Amino acid sequence: MKFRLIVHVFMLVNLIVVSSAYAYIDPNTGGFFFQTIAPFVYGILGMIVVFWKRITGFVKGLFGGKKDQDTSADEQ
């Protein structure tokens, strides 16, 4: 327990006391970031479009309370 506390305090102090990095962000980094993140975002959006009816049906089932739609079978 004491070791964990020491590690957490060390990490906190390390985050608070930060020195200058003397570095720069390469201009091509933005393009690389866009090329890696954009397909992931578009893939998630595509999955939402394809499975929209299943998603809305699931949410309606959670919050709407399922009603018995096959009442005519019980009457026969």
C-alpha atoms as a PDB file:
ATOM      1  CA  MET A   1       0.000   0.000   0.000  1.00  0.00           C
ATOM      2  CA  LYS A   2       2.816   2.365   0.887  1.00  0.00           C
ATOM      3  CA  PHE A   3       4.623   1.598  -2.379  1.00  0.00           C
ATOM      4  CA  ARG A   4       1.469   2.409  -4.368  1.00  0.00           C
ATOM      5  CA  LEU A   5       1.133   5.723  -2.584  1.00  0.00           C
ATOM      6  CA  ILE A   6       4.747   6.595  -3.345  1.00  0.00           C
ATOM      7  CA  VAL A   7       4.265   5.727  -7.025  1.00  0.00           C
ATOM      8  CA  HIS A   8       1.098   7.828  -7.255  1.00  0.00           C
ATOM      9  CA  VAL A   9       2.741  10.811  -5.577  1.00  0.00           C
ATOM     10  CA  PHE A  10       5.746  10.492  -7.888  1.00  0.00           C
ATOM     11  CA  MET A  11       3.480  10.388 -10.960  1.00  0.00           C
ATOM     12  CA  LEU A  12       1.505  13.409  -9.743  1.00  0.00           C
ATOM     13  CA  VAL A  13       4.646  15.441  -9.096  1.00  0.00           C
ATOM     14  CA  ASN A  14       6.019  14.400 -12.488  1.00  0.00           C
ATOM     15  CA  LEU A  15       2.859  15.673 -14.201  1.00  0.00           C
ATOM     16  CA  ILE A  16       2.840  18.964 -12.304  1.00  0.00           C
ATOM     17  CA  VAL A  17       6.527  19.844 -12.667  1.00  0.00           C
ATOM     18  CA  VAL A  18       7.078  19.765 -16.418  1.00  0.00           C
ATOM     19  CA  SER A  19      10.066  21.233 -18.164  1.00  0.00           C
ATOM     20  CA  SER A  20      10.137  22.460 -21.753  1.00  0.00           C
ATOM     21  CA  ALA A  21      10.425  19.747 -24.370  1.00  0.00           C
ATOM     22  CA  TYR A  22      12.144  21.912 -27.004  1.00  0.00           C
ATOM     23  CA  ALA A  23      10.373  20.001 -29.736  1.00  0.00           C
ATOM     24  CA  TYR A  24       8.103  20.802 -32.627  1.00  0.00           C
ATOM     25  CA  ILE A  25       5.190  19.100 -34.304  1.00  0.00           C
ATOM     26  CA  ASP A  26       5.993  18.090 -37.832  1.00  0.00           C
ATOM     27  CA  PRO A  27       3.612  19.707 -40.359  1.00  0.00           C
ATOM     28  CA  ASN A  28       2.773  16.289 -41.774  1.00  0.00           C
ATOM     29  CA  THR A  29       1.553  15.057 -38.384  1.00  0.00           C
ATOM     30  CA  GLY A  30      -1.907  16.566 -38.928  1.00  0.00           C
ATOM     31  CA  GLY A  31      -2.322  14.697 -42.201  1.00  0.00           C
ATOM     32  CA  PHE A  32      -1.183  11.453 -40.626  1.00  0.00           C
ATOM     33  CA  PHE A  33      -3.601  11.956 -37.746  1.00  0.00           C
ATOM     34  CA  PHE A  34      -6.447  12.627 -40.178  1.00  0.00           C
ATOM     35  CA  GLN A  35      -5.571   9.575 -42.285  1.00  0.00           C
ATOM     36  CA  THR A  36      -5.683   7.291 -39.265  1.00  0.00           C
ATOM     37  CA  ILE A  37      -8.687   8.722 -37.398  1.00  0.00           C
ATOM     38  CA  ALA A  38     -11.009   9.613 -40.305  1.00  0.00           C
ATOM     39  CA  PRO A  39     -11.476   6.030 -41.599  1.00  0.00           C
ATOM     40  CA  PHE A  40     -12.242   4.841 -38.086  1.00  0.00           C
ATOM     41  CA  VAL A  41     -14.877   7.563 -37.611  1.00  0.00           C
ATOM     42  CA  TYR A  42     -16.389   6.927 -41.039  1.00  0.00           C
ATOM     43  CA  GLY A  43     -16.454   3.195 -40.347  1.00  0.00           C
ATOM     44  CA  ILE A  44     -18.362   3.736 -37.105  1.00  0.00           C
ATOM     45  CA  LEU A  45     -20.798   6.071 -38.871  1.00  0.00           C
ATOM     46  CA  GLY A  46     -21.273   3.500 -41.641  1.00  0.00           C
ATOM     47  CA  MET A  47     -22.042   0.796 -39.097  1.00  0.00           C
ATOM     48  CA  ILE A  48     -24.619   3.067 -37.464  1.00  0.00           C
ATOM     49  CA  VAL A  49     -26.290   3.686 -40.836  1.00  0.00           C
ATOM     50  CA  VAL A  50     -26.355  -0.010 -41.717  1.00  0.00           C
ATOM     51  CA  PHE A  51     -27.629  -1.181 -38.349  1.00  0.00           C
ATOM     52  CA  TRP A  52     -29.891   1.821 -37.585  1.00  0.00           C
ATOM     53  CA  LYS A  53     -33.099  -0.226 -37.348  1.00  0.00           C
ATOM     54  CA  ARG A  54     -31.497  -2.731 -34.994  1.00  0.00           C
ATOM     55  CA  ILE A  55     -30.088   0.059 -32.824  1.00  0.00           C
ATOM     56  CA  THR A  56     -33.408   1.901 -32.582  1.00  0.00           C
ATOM     57  CA  GLY A  57     -35.245  -1.369 -31.948  1.00  0.00           C
ATOM     58  CA  PHE A  58     -32.853  -2.217 -29.139  1.00  0.00           C
ATOM     59  CA  VAL A  59     -33.249   1.227 -27.544  1.00  0.00           C
ATOM     60  CA  LYS A  60     -37.032   1.084 -27.884  1.00  0.00           C
ATOM     61  CA  GLY A  61     -36.963  -2.345 -26.289  1.00  0.00           C
ATOM     62  CA  LEU A  62     -34.993  -0.972 -23.347  1.00  0.00           C
ATOM     63  CA  PHE A  63     -37.084   2.117 -22.708  1.00  0.00           C
ATOM     64  CA  GLY A  64     -40.396   1.487 -24.469  1.00  0.00           C
ATOM     65  CA  GLY A  65     -41.450  -1.720 -22.820  1.00  0.00           C
ATOM     66  CA  LYS A  66     -42.252  -4.422 -25.339  1.00  0.00           C
ATOM     67  CA  LYS A  67     -45.918  -4.803 -26.202  1.00  0.00           C
ATOM     68  CA  ASP A  68     -47.343  -8.114 -27.376  1.00  0.00           C
ATOM     69  CA  GLN A  69     -48.011  -7.571 -31.076  1.00  0.00           C
ATOM     70  CA  ASP A  70     -49.372 -11.061 -31.705  1.00  0.00           C
ATOM     71  CA  THR A  71     -52.682 -10.731 -29.862  1.00  0.00           C
ATOM     72  CA  SER A  72     -54.711 -12.361 -32.677  1.00  0.00           C
ATOM     73  CA  ALA A  73     -53.009 -15.717 -32.027  1.00  0.00           C
ATOM     74  CA  ASP A  74     -54.252 -15.668 -28.414  1.00  0.00           C
ATOM     75  CA  GLU A  75     -57.858 -15.052 -29.481  1.00  0.00           C
ATOM     76  CA  GLN A  76     -58.049 -18.148 -31.687  1.00  0.00           C
END
